[in-house]
């Protein structure tokens, strides 16, 4: 749900409005800068992923990442990868496991 800036301002209480107003008038912008930085950090932490193969942290805002959805229709799994070689290694191992299952049956 996207909201207009005006709608967000209308939802603020008196204390937040006065702090923002003072921040703008002083020209420092420190309160607003801290508020926005905290929100950006929070969103980035929500999006932080771990590579399934090597365990590296993946931040999609800074790195091109890969995601693979696999498994049966009713129980899909999701795996994240930091690079193509990790994705390739995972699919190779997945093929090897499937071959073992098929040859065992």
PDB file of N, CA and C in Angstrom:
ATOM      1  N   UNK A   1       0.850  -1.165   0.000  1.00  0.00           N
ATOM      2  CA  UNK A   1       0.000   0.000   0.000  1.00  0.00           C
ATOM      3  C   UNK A   1       0.902   1.238   0.000  1.00  0.00           C
ATOM      4  N   UNK A   2       0.880   1.984  -1.053  1.00  0.00           N
ATOM      5  CA  UNK A   2       1.662   3.212  -1.158  1.00  0.00           C
ATOM      6  C   UNK A   2       0.829   4.375  -0.663  1.00  0.00           C
ATOM      7  N   UNK A   3       1.481   5.249   0.064  1.00  0.00           N
ATOM      8  CA  UNK A   3       0.789   6.413   0.596  1.00  0.00           C
ATOM      9  C   UNK A   3       1.513   7.668   0.165  1.00  0.00           C
ATOM     10  N   UNK A   4       0.784   8.723   0.055  1.00  0.00           N
ATOM     11  CA  UNK A   4       1.349  10.025  -0.269  1.00  0.00           C
ATOM     12  C   UNK A   4       1.982  10.617   0.981  1.00  0.00           C
ATOM     13  N   UNK A   5       2.952  11.482   0.771  1.00  0.00           N
ATOM     14  CA  UNK A   5       3.628  12.119   1.891  1.00  0.00           C
ATOM     15  C   UNK A   5       2.635  12.902   2.745  1.00  0.00           C
ATOM     16  N   UNK A   6       1.694  13.574   2.099  1.00  0.00           N
ATOM     17  CA  UNK A   6       0.680  14.339   2.832  1.00  0.00           C
ATOM     18  C   UNK A   6      -0.112  13.433   3.779  1.00  0.00           C
ATOM     19  N   UNK A   7      -0.464  12.238   3.313  1.00  0.00           N
ATOM     20  CA  UNK A   7      -1.199  11.303   4.162  1.00  0.00           C
ATOM     21  C   UNK A   7      -0.373  10.871   5.366  1.00  0.00           C
ATOM     22  N   UNK A   8       0.928  10.686   5.147  1.00  0.00           N
ATOM     23  CA  UNK A   8       1.798  10.303   6.258  1.00  0.00           C
ATOM     24  C   UNK A   8       1.902  11.427   7.280  1.00  0.00           C
ATOM     25  N   UNK A   9       2.008  12.660   6.808  1.00  0.00           N
ATOM     26  CA  UNK A   9       2.095  13.807   7.719  1.00  0.00           C
ATOM     27  C   UNK A   9       0.806  13.935   8.526  1.00  0.00           C
ATOM     28  N   UNK A  10      -0.324  13.710   7.889  1.00  0.00           N
ATOM     29  CA  UNK A  10      -1.602  13.806   8.596  1.00  0.00           C
ATOM     30  C   UNK A  10      -1.734  12.756   9.701  1.00  0.00           C
ATOM     31  N   UNK A  11      -1.045  11.635   9.556  1.00  0.00           N
ATOM     32  CA  UNK A  11      -1.100  10.582  10.563  1.00  0.00           C
ATOM     33  C   UNK A  11      -0.156  10.814  11.745  1.00  0.00           C
ATOM     34  N   UNK A  12       0.757  11.776  11.629  1.00  0.00           N
ATOM     35  CA  UNK A  12       1.714  12.038  12.713  1.00  0.00           C
ATOM     36  C   UNK A  12       1.030  12.723  13.886  1.00  0.00           C
ATOM     37  N   UNK A  13       1.535  12.428  15.084  1.00  0.00           N
ATOM     38  CA  UNK A  13       0.999  13.126  16.260  1.00  0.00           C
ATOM     39  C   UNK A  13       1.721  14.468  16.433  1.00  0.00           C
ATOM     40  N   UNK A  14       1.259  15.248  17.375  1.00  0.00           N
ATOM     41  CA  UNK A  14       1.762  16.614  17.578  1.00  0.00           C
ATOM     42  C   UNK A  14       3.262  16.622  17.885  1.00  0.00           C
ATOM     43  N   UNK A  15       3.709  15.700  18.724  1.00  0.00           N
ATOM     44  CA  UNK A  15       5.119  15.667  19.115  1.00  0.00           C
ATOM     45  C   UNK A  15       6.030  15.426  17.906  1.00  0.00           C
ATOM     46  N   UNK A  16       5.665  14.453  17.080  1.00  0.00           N
ATOM     47  CA  UNK A  16       6.471  14.177  15.889  1.00  0.00           C
ATOM     48  C   UNK A  16       6.442  15.343  14.912  1.00  0.00           C
ATOM     49  N   UNK A  17       5.293  15.961  14.751  1.00  0.00           N
ATOM     50  CA  UNK A  17       5.188  17.116  13.853  1.00  0.00           C
ATOM     51  C   UNK A  17       6.082  18.262  14.313  1.00  0.00           C
ATOM     52  N   UNK A  18       6.066  18.545  15.607  1.00  0.00           N
ATOM     53  CA  UNK A  18       6.898  19.653  16.106  1.00  0.00           C
ATOM     54  C   UNK A  18       8.377  19.330  15.985  1.00  0.00           C
ATOM     55  N   UNK A  19       8.761  18.071  16.210  1.00  0.00           N
ATOM     56  CA  UNK A  19      10.175  17.688  16.057  1.00  0.00           C
ATOM     57  C   UNK A  19      10.614  17.817  14.603  1.00  0.00           C
ATOM     58  N   UNK A  20       9.769  17.366  13.677  1.00  0.00           N
ATOM     59  CA  UNK A  20      10.107  17.499  12.256  1.00  0.00           C
ATOM     60  C   UNK A  20      10.185  18.967  11.845  1.00  0.00           C
ATOM     61  N   UNK A  21       9.249  19.764  12.327  1.00  0.00           N
ATOM     62  CA  UNK A  21       9.223  21.188  12.006  1.00  0.00           C
ATOM     63  C   UNK A  21      10.491  21.867  12.524  1.00  0.00           C
ATOM     64  N   UNK A  22      10.863  21.577  13.737  1.00  0.00           N
ATOM     65  CA  UNK A  22      12.072  22.153  14.323  1.00  0.00           C
ATOM     66  C   UNK A  22      13.305  21.693  13.553  1.00  0.00           C
ATOM     67  N   UNK A  23      13.327  20.433  13.191  1.00  0.00           N
ATOM     68  CA  UNK A  23      14.443  19.866  12.450  1.00  0.00           C
ATOM     69  C   UNK A  23      14.619  20.579  11.104  1.00  0.00           C
ATOM     70  N   UNK A  24      13.526  20.843  10.425  1.00  0.00           N
ATOM     71  CA  UNK A  24      13.582  21.528   9.131  1.00  0.00           C
ATOM     72  C   UNK A  24      14.006  22.982   9.307  1.00  0.00           C
ATOM     73  N   UNK A  25      13.458  23.652  10.318  1.00  0.00           N
ATOM     74  CA  UNK A  25      13.799  25.059  10.543  1.00  0.00           C
ATOM     75  C   UNK A  25      15.253  25.264  10.933  1.00  0.00           C
ATOM     76  N   UNK A  26      15.802  24.336  11.717  1.00  0.00           N
ATOM     77  CA  UNK A  26      17.198  24.446  12.121  1.00  0.00           C
ATOM     78  C   UNK A  26      18.139  24.132  10.972  1.00  0.00           C
ATOM     79  N   UNK A  27      17.647  23.434   9.997  1.00  0.00           N
ATOM     80  CA  UNK A  27      18.457  23.118   8.832  1.00  0.00           C
ATOM     81  C   UNK A  27      19.396  21.948   9.032  1.00  0.00           C
ATOM     82  N   UNK A  28      19.377  21.324  10.212  1.00  0.00           N
ATOM     83  CA  UNK A  28      20.288  20.205  10.441  1.00  0.00           C
ATOM     84  C   UNK A  28      19.748  18.911   9.848  1.00  0.00           C
ATOM     85  N   UNK A  29      18.460  18.692   9.999  1.00  0.00           N
ATOM     86  CA  UNK A  29      17.841  17.493   9.455  1.00  0.00           C
ATOM     87  C   UNK A  29      18.273  16.223  10.160  1.00  0.00           C
ATOM     88  N   UNK A  30      18.894  16.346  11.344  1.00  0.00           N
ATOM     89  CA  UNK A  30      19.428  15.163  12.019  1.00  0.00           C
ATOM     90  C   UNK A  30      18.329  14.206  12.463  1.00  0.00           C
ATOM     91  N   UNK A  31      17.218  14.727  12.971  1.00  0.00           N
ATOM     92  CA  UNK A  31      16.125  13.859  13.412  1.00  0.00           C
ATOM     93  C   UNK A  31      15.540  13.096  12.237  1.00  0.00           C
ATOM     94  N   UNK A  32      15.278  13.810  11.144  1.00  0.00           N
ATOM     95  CA  UNK A  32      14.715  13.174   9.961  1.00  0.00           C
ATOM     96  C   UNK A  32      15.716  12.184   9.354  1.00  0.00           C
ATOM     97  N   UNK A  33      16.989  12.568   9.324  1.00  0.00           N
ATOM     98  CA  UNK A  33      18.009  11.697   8.768  1.00  0.00           C
ATOM     99  C   UNK A  33      18.110  10.404   9.577  1.00  0.00           C
ATOM    100  N   UNK A  34      18.099  10.515  10.901  1.00  0.00           N
ATOM    101  CA  UNK A  34      18.166   9.328  11.758  1.00  0.00           C
ATOM    102  C   UNK A  34      16.937   8.447  11.575  1.00  0.00           C
ATOM    103  N   UNK A  35      15.774   9.073  11.487  1.00  0.00           N
ATOM    104  CA  UNK A  35      14.523   8.340  11.312  1.00  0.00           C
ATOM    105  C   UNK A  35      14.531   7.555  10.004  1.00  0.00           C
ATOM    106  N   UNK A  36      14.945   8.211   8.938  1.00  0.00           N
ATOM    107  CA  UNK A  36      14.982   7.561   7.619  1.00  0.00           C
ATOM    108  C   UNK A  36      16.062   6.494   7.577  1.00  0.00           C
ATOM    109  N   UNK A  37      17.222   6.757   8.168  1.00  0.00           N
ATOM    110  CA  UNK A  37      18.299   5.767   8.194  1.00  0.00           C
ATOM    111  C   UNK A  37      17.877   4.516   8.941  1.00  0.00           C
ATOM    112  N   UNK A  38      17.180   4.691  10.061  1.00  0.00           N
ATOM    113  CA  UNK A  38      16.698   3.541  10.819  1.00  0.00           C
ATOM    114  C   UNK A  38      15.710   2.710  10.007  1.00  0.00           C
ATOM    115  N   UNK A  39      14.835   3.379   9.277  1.00  0.00           N
ATOM    116  CA  UNK A  39      13.844   2.663   8.459  1.00  0.00           C
ATOM    117  C   UNK A  39      14.524   1.906   7.317  1.00  0.00           C
ATOM    118  N   UNK A  40      15.517   2.526   6.686  1.00  0.00           N
ATOM    119  CA  UNK A  40      16.255   1.860   5.606  1.00  0.00           C
ATOM    120  C   UNK A  40      16.979   0.630   6.155  1.00  0.00           C
ATOM    121  N   UNK A  41      17.636   0.778   7.301  1.00  0.00           N
ATOM    122  CA  UNK A  41      18.341  -0.339   7.923  1.00  0.00           C
ATOM    123  C   UNK A  41      17.375  -1.480   8.258  1.00  0.00           C
ATOM    124  N   UNK A  42      16.205  -1.123   8.765  1.00  0.00           N
ATOM    125  CA  UNK A  42      15.187  -2.115   9.106  1.00  0.00           C
ATOM    126  C   UNK A  42      14.734  -2.877   7.857  1.00  0.00           C
ATOM    127  N   UNK A  43      14.499  -2.164   6.767  1.00  0.00           N
ATOM    128  CA  UNK A  43      14.081  -2.824   5.524  1.00  0.00           C
ATOM    129  C   UNK A  43      15.185  -3.708   4.964  1.00  0.00           C
ATOM    130  N   UNK A  44      16.437  -3.253   5.055  1.00  0.00           N
ATOM    131  CA  UNK A  44      17.555  -4.055   4.566  1.00  0.00           C
ATOM    132  C   UNK A  44      17.722  -5.322   5.392  1.00  0.00           C
ATOM    133  N   UNK A  45      17.531  -5.229   6.709  1.00  0.00           N
ATOM    134  CA  UNK A  45      17.646  -6.406   7.558  1.00  0.00           C
ATOM    135  C   UNK A  45      16.552  -7.419   7.258  1.00  0.00           C
ATOM    136  N   UNK A  46      15.367  -6.944   6.904  1.00  0.00           N
ATOM    137  CA  UNK A  46      14.279  -7.847   6.539  1.00  0.00           C
ATOM    138  C   UNK A  46      14.614  -8.606   5.268  1.00  0.00           C
ATOM    139  N   UNK A  47      15.341  -7.958   4.371  1.00  0.00           N
ATOM    140  CA  UNK A  47      15.663  -8.552   3.086  1.00  0.00           C
ATOM    141  C   UNK A  47      16.965  -9.350   3.103  1.00  0.00           C
ATOM    142  N   UNK A  48      17.676  -9.355   4.226  1.00  0.00           N
ATOM    143  CA  UNK A  48      18.953 -10.046   4.314  1.00  0.00           C
ATOM    144  C   UNK A  48      18.732 -11.544   4.174  1.00  0.00           C
ATOM    145  N   UNK A  49      19.467 -12.174   3.308  1.00  0.00           N
ATOM    146  CA  UNK A  49      19.353 -13.606   3.055  1.00  0.00           C
ATOM    147  C   UNK A  49      20.718 -14.257   3.255  1.00  0.00           C
ATOM    148  N   UNK A  50      20.709 -15.568   3.409  1.00  0.00           N
ATOM    149  CA  UNK A  50      21.929 -16.350   3.559  1.00  0.00           C
ATOM    150  C   UNK A  50      22.020 -17.317   2.383  1.00  0.00           C
ATOM    151  N   UNK A  51      23.198 -17.380   1.751  1.00  0.00           N
ATOM    152  CA  UNK A  51      23.411 -18.303   0.635  1.00  0.00           C
ATOM    153  C   UNK A  51      23.301 -19.729   1.149  1.00  0.00           C
ATOM    154  N   UNK A  52      22.530 -20.552   0.453  1.00  0.00           N
ATOM    155  CA  UNK A  52      22.288 -21.929   0.853  1.00  0.00           C
ATOM    156  C   UNK A  52      23.555 -22.770   0.801  1.00  0.00           C
ATOM    157  N   UNK A  53      24.465 -22.463  -0.112  1.00  0.00           N
ATOM    158  CA  UNK A  53      25.653 -23.286  -0.306  1.00  0.00           C
ATOM    159  C   UNK A  53      26.818 -22.831   0.571  1.00  0.00           C
ATOM    160  N   UNK A  54      27.188 -21.558   0.469  1.00  0.00           N
ATOM    161  CA  UNK A  54      28.408 -21.110   1.148  1.00  0.00           C
ATOM    162  C   UNK A  54      28.150 -20.368   2.460  1.00  0.00           C
ATOM    163  N   UNK A  55      26.908 -19.978   2.718  1.00  0.00           N
ATOM    164  CA  UNK A  55      26.580 -19.328   3.977  1.00  0.00           C
ATOM    165  C   UNK A  55      26.857 -17.840   4.025  1.00  0.00           C
ATOM    166  N   UNK A  56      27.245 -17.234   2.902  1.00  0.00           N
ATOM    167  CA  UNK A  56      27.476 -15.782   2.865  1.00  0.00           C
ATOM    168  C   UNK A  56      26.157 -15.028   2.998  1.00  0.00           C
ATOM    169  N   UNK A  57      26.224 -13.859   3.624  1.00  0.00           N
ATOM    170  CA  UNK A  57      25.046 -13.009   3.696  1.00  0.00           C
ATOM    171  C   UNK A  57      24.801 -12.369   2.340  1.00  0.00           C
ATOM    172  N   UNK A  58      23.535 -12.310   1.948  1.00  0.00           N
ATOM    173  CA  UNK A  58      23.151 -11.722   0.666  1.00  0.00           C
ATOM    174  C   UNK A  58      22.228 -10.553   0.957  1.00  0.00           C
ATOM    175  N   UNK A  59      22.618  -9.361   0.534  1.00  0.00           N
ATOM    176  CA  UNK A  59      21.756  -8.199   0.649  1.00  0.00           C
ATOM    177  C   UNK A  59      21.329  -7.808  -0.762  1.00  0.00           C
ATOM    178  N   UNK A  60      20.066  -8.017  -1.126  1.00  0.00           N
ATOM    179  CA  UNK A  60      19.636  -7.785  -2.512  1.00  0.00           C
ATOM    180  C   UNK A  60      19.738  -6.329  -2.959  1.00  0.00           C
ATOM    181  N   UNK A  61      19.922  -5.395  -2.018  1.00  0.00           N
ATOM    182  CA  UNK A  61      20.087  -3.999  -2.405  1.00  0.00           C
ATOM    183  C   UNK A  61      21.484  -3.732  -2.961  1.00  0.00           C
ATOM    184  N   UNK A  62      22.444  -4.614  -2.643  1.00  0.00           N
ATOM    185  CA  UNK A  62      23.824  -4.382  -3.051  1.00  0.00           C
ATOM    186  C   UNK A  62      24.394  -5.471  -3.950  1.00  0.00           C
ATOM    187  N   UNK A  63      23.749  -6.642  -3.988  1.00  0.00           N
ATOM    188  CA  UNK A  63      24.284  -7.784  -4.724  1.00  0.00           C
ATOM    189  C   UNK A  63      23.169  -8.399  -5.564  1.00  0.00           C
ATOM    190  N   UNK A  64      23.521  -8.843  -6.772  1.00  0.00           N
ATOM    191  CA  UNK A  64      22.566  -9.619  -7.562  1.00  0.00           C
ATOM    192  C   UNK A  64      22.497 -11.007  -6.961  1.00  0.00           C
ATOM    193  N   UNK A  65      21.331 -11.409  -6.524  1.00  0.00           N
ATOM    194  CA  UNK A  65      21.192 -12.723  -5.910  1.00  0.00           C
ATOM    195  C   UNK A  65      20.289 -13.598  -6.762  1.00  0.00           C
ATOM    196  N   UNK A  66      20.275 -14.877  -6.441  1.00  0.00           N
ATOM    197  CA  UNK A  66      19.480 -15.834  -7.178  1.00  0.00           C
ATOM    198  C   UNK A  66      18.610 -16.599  -6.187  1.00  0.00           C
ATOM    199  N   UNK A  67      17.408 -16.931  -6.628  1.00  0.00           N
ATOM    200  CA  UNK A  67      16.471 -17.661  -5.781  1.00  0.00           C
ATOM    201  C   UNK A  67      15.895 -18.811  -6.598  1.00  0.00           C
ATOM    202  N   UNK A  68      15.863 -19.993  -5.991  1.00  0.00           N
ATOM    203  CA  UNK A  68      15.343 -21.177  -6.661  1.00  0.00           C
ATOM    204  C   UNK A  68      14.186 -21.731  -5.844  1.00  0.00           C
ATOM    205  N   UNK A  69      13.035 -21.893  -6.489  1.00  0.00           N
ATOM    206  CA  UNK A  69      11.868 -22.527  -5.870  1.00  0.00           C
ATOM    207  C   UNK A  69      11.827 -23.958  -6.377  1.00  0.00           C
ATOM    208  N   UNK A  70      11.770 -24.915  -5.462  1.00  0.00           N
ATOM    209  CA  UNK A  70      11.786 -26.310  -5.877  1.00  0.00           C
ATOM    210  C   UNK A  70      10.987 -27.155  -4.889  1.00  0.00           C
ATOM    211  N   UNK A  71      10.748 -28.385  -5.278  1.00  0.00           N
ATOM    212  CA  UNK A  71      10.016 -29.310  -4.418  1.00  0.00           C
ATOM    213  C   UNK A  71       8.656 -29.621  -4.994  1.00  0.00           C
ATOM    214  N   UNK A  72       7.919 -30.522  -4.312  1.00  0.00           N
ATOM    215  CA  UNK A  72       6.584 -30.877  -4.785  1.00  0.00           C
ATOM    216  C   UNK A  72       5.632 -29.687  -4.733  1.00  0.00           C
ATOM    217  N   UNK A  73       4.588 -29.760  -5.518  1.00  0.00           N
ATOM    218  CA  UNK A  73       3.632 -28.659  -5.629  1.00  0.00           C
ATOM    219  C   UNK A  73       3.072 -28.195  -4.291  1.00  0.00           C
ATOM    220  N   UNK A  74       2.814 -29.117  -3.413  1.00  0.00           N
ATOM    221  CA  UNK A  74       2.181 -28.764  -2.141  1.00  0.00           C
ATOM    222  C   UNK A  74       3.188 -28.412  -1.039  1.00  0.00           C
ATOM    223  N   UNK A  75       4.478 -28.542  -1.331  1.00  0.00           N
ATOM    224  CA  UNK A  75       5.487 -28.226  -0.319  1.00  0.00           C
ATOM    225  C   UNK A  75       6.718 -27.619  -0.994  1.00  0.00           C
ATOM    226  N   UNK A  76       6.550 -26.431  -1.568  1.00  0.00           N
ATOM    227  CA  UNK A  76       7.643 -25.751  -2.250  1.00  0.00           C
ATOM    228  C   UNK A  76       8.668 -25.249  -1.240  1.00  0.00           C
ATOM    229  N   UNK A  77       9.924 -25.299  -1.630  1.00  0.00           N
ATOM    230  CA  UNK A  77      11.018 -24.781  -0.824  1.00  0.00           C
ATOM    231  C   UNK A  77      11.683 -23.661  -1.607  1.00  0.00           C
ATOM    232  N   UNK A  78      12.380 -22.797  -0.898  1.00  0.00           N
ATOM    233  CA  UNK A  78      13.054 -21.676  -1.530  1.00  0.00           C
ATOM    234  C   UNK A  78      14.502 -21.670  -1.053  1.00  0.00           C
ATOM    235  N   UNK A  79      15.432 -21.556  -2.002  1.00  0.00           N
ATOM    236  CA  UNK A  79      16.849 -21.494  -1.678  1.00  0.00           C
ATOM    237  C   UNK A  79      17.445 -20.237  -2.317  1.00  0.00           C
ATOM    238  N   UNK A  80      18.312 -19.546  -1.584  1.00  0.00           N
ATOM    239  CA  UNK A  80      18.957 -18.325  -2.070  1.00  0.00           C
ATOM    240  C   UNK A  80      20.435 -18.591  -2.326  1.00  0.00           C
ATOM    241  N   UNK A  81      20.957 -17.927  -3.362  1.00  0.00           N
ATOM    242  CA  UNK A  81      22.357 -18.115  -3.738  1.00  0.00           C
ATOM    243  C   UNK A  81      22.991 -16.771  -4.021  1.00  0.00           C
ATOM    244  N   UNK A  82      24.272 -16.643  -3.649  1.00  0.00           N
ATOM    245  CA  UNK A  82      24.972 -15.368  -3.824  1.00  0.00           C
ATOM    246  C   UNK A  82      25.610 -15.247  -5.199  1.00  0.00           C
ATOM    247  N   UNK A  83      25.823 -16.372  -5.877  1.00  0.00           N
ATOM    248  CA  UNK A  83      26.483 -16.340  -7.187  1.00  0.00           C
ATOM    249  C   UNK A  83      26.049 -17.547  -8.010  1.00  0.00           C
ATOM    250  N   UNK A  84      26.366 -17.486  -9.294  1.00  0.00           N
ATOM    251  CA  UNK A  84      25.978 -18.575 -10.189  1.00  0.00           C
ATOM    252  C   UNK A  84      26.680 -19.886  -9.850  1.00  0.00           C
ATOM    253  N   UNK A  85      27.925 -19.837  -9.374  1.00  0.00           N
ATOM    254  CA  UNK A  85      28.616 -21.079  -9.058  1.00  0.00           C
ATOM    255  C   UNK A  85      27.961 -21.800  -7.877  1.00  0.00           C
ATOM    256  N   UNK A  86      27.434 -21.042  -6.911  1.00  0.00           N
ATOM    257  CA  UNK A  86      26.708 -21.666  -5.794  1.00  0.00           C
ATOM    258  C   UNK A  86      25.407 -22.306  -6.293  1.00  0.00           C
ATOM    259  N   UNK A  87      24.716 -21.617  -7.185  1.00  0.00           N
ATOM    260  CA  UNK A  87      23.485 -22.160  -7.768  1.00  0.00           C
ATOM    261  C   UNK A  87      23.792 -23.427  -8.557  1.00  0.00           C
ATOM    262  N   UNK A  88      24.861 -23.395  -9.349  1.00  0.00           N
ATOM    263  CA  UNK A  88      25.252 -24.554 -10.144  1.00  0.00           C
ATOM    264  C   UNK A  88      25.627 -25.739  -9.244  1.00  0.00           C
ATOM    265  N   UNK A  89      26.373 -25.485  -8.197  1.00  0.00           N
ATOM    266  CA  UNK A  89      26.755 -26.538  -7.257  1.00  0.00           C
ATOM    267  C   UNK A  89      25.503 -27.166  -6.631  1.00  0.00           C
ATOM    268  N   UNK A  90      24.557 -26.322  -6.231  1.00  0.00           N
ATOM    269  CA  UNK A  90      23.324 -26.812  -5.603  1.00  0.00           C
ATOM    270  C   UNK A  90      22.536 -27.688  -6.564  1.00  0.00           C
ATOM    271  N   UNK A  91      22.365 -27.239  -7.806  1.00  0.00           N
ATOM    272  CA  UNK A  91      21.586 -28.030  -8.770  1.00  0.00           C
ATOM    273  C   UNK A  91      22.297 -29.339  -9.112  1.00  0.00           C
ATOM    274  N   UNK A  92      23.619 -29.325  -9.167  1.00  0.00           N
ATOM    275  CA  UNK A  92      24.381 -30.556  -9.418  1.00  0.00           C
ATOM    276  C   UNK A  92      24.152 -31.554  -8.292  1.00  0.00           C
ATOM    277  N   UNK A  93      24.210 -31.077  -7.063  1.00  0.00           N
ATOM    278  CA  UNK A  93      23.986 -31.959  -5.911  1.00  0.00           C
ATOM    279  C   UNK A  93      22.543 -32.459  -5.878  1.00  0.00           C
ATOM    280  N   UNK A  94      21.613 -31.589  -6.247  1.00  0.00           N
ATOM    281  CA  UNK A  94      20.198 -31.981  -6.285  1.00  0.00           C
ATOM    282  C   UNK A  94      19.972 -33.084  -7.320  1.00  0.00           C
ATOM    283  N   UNK A  95      20.620 -32.967  -8.487  1.00  0.00           N
ATOM    284  CA  UNK A  95      20.528 -34.003  -9.518  1.00  0.00           C
ATOM    285  C   UNK A  95      21.110 -35.315  -9.007  1.00  0.00           C
ATOM    286  N   UNK A  96      22.254 -35.237  -8.324  1.00  0.00           N
ATOM    287  CA  UNK A  96      22.903 -36.437  -7.788  1.00  0.00           C
ATOM    288  C   UNK A  96      22.001 -37.148  -6.782  1.00  0.00           C
ATOM    289  N   UNK A  97      21.359 -36.380  -5.909  1.00  0.00           N
ATOM    290  CA  UNK A  97      20.448 -36.956  -4.909  1.00  0.00           C
ATOM    291  C   UNK A  97      19.247 -37.601  -5.581  1.00  0.00           C
ATOM    292  N   UNK A  98      18.689 -36.942  -6.604  1.00  0.00           N
ATOM    293  CA  UNK A  98      17.539 -37.509  -7.320  1.00  0.00           C
ATOM    294  C   UNK A  98      17.906 -38.795  -8.048  1.00  0.00           C
ATOM    295  N   UNK A  99      19.124 -38.855  -8.619  1.00  0.00           N
ATOM    296  CA  UNK A  99      19.572 -40.081  -9.291  1.00  0.00           C
ATOM    297  C   UNK A  99      19.691 -41.222  -8.295  1.00  0.00           C
ATOM    298  N   UNK A 100      20.207 -40.933  -7.101  1.00  0.00           N
ATOM    299  CA  UNK A 100      20.328 -41.966  -6.068  1.00  0.00           C
ATOM    300  C   UNK A 100      18.955 -42.477  -5.660  1.00  0.00           C
ATOM    301  N   UNK A 101      18.009 -41.551  -5.515  1.00  0.00           N
ATOM    302  CA  UNK A 101      16.638 -41.954  -5.139  1.00  0.00           C
ATOM    303  C   UNK A 101      16.032 -42.851  -6.206  1.00  0.00           C
ATOM    304  N   UNK A 102      16.207 -42.466  -7.494  1.00  0.00           N
ATOM    305  CA  UNK A 102      15.627 -43.236  -8.586  1.00  0.00           C
ATOM    306  C   UNK A 102      16.297 -44.604  -8.734  1.00  0.00           C
ATOM    307  N   UNK A 103      17.613 -44.647  -8.558  1.00  0.00           N
ATOM    308  CA  UNK A 103      18.304 -45.939  -8.688  1.00  0.00           C
ATOM    309  C   UNK A 103      18.035 -46.843  -7.486  1.00  0.00           C
ATOM    310  N   UNK A 104      17.733 -46.274  -6.345  1.00  0.00           N
ATOM    311  CA  UNK A 104      17.418 -47.037  -5.140  1.00  0.00           C
ATOM    312  C   UNK A 104      16.032 -47.645  -5.178  1.00  0.00           C
ATOM    313  N   UNK A 105      15.124 -47.065  -5.940  1.00  0.00           N
ATOM    314  CA  UNK A 105      13.743 -47.571  -6.030  1.00  0.00           C
ATOM    315  C   UNK A 105      13.626 -48.606  -7.062  1.00  0.00           C
TER     316      UNK A 105
END
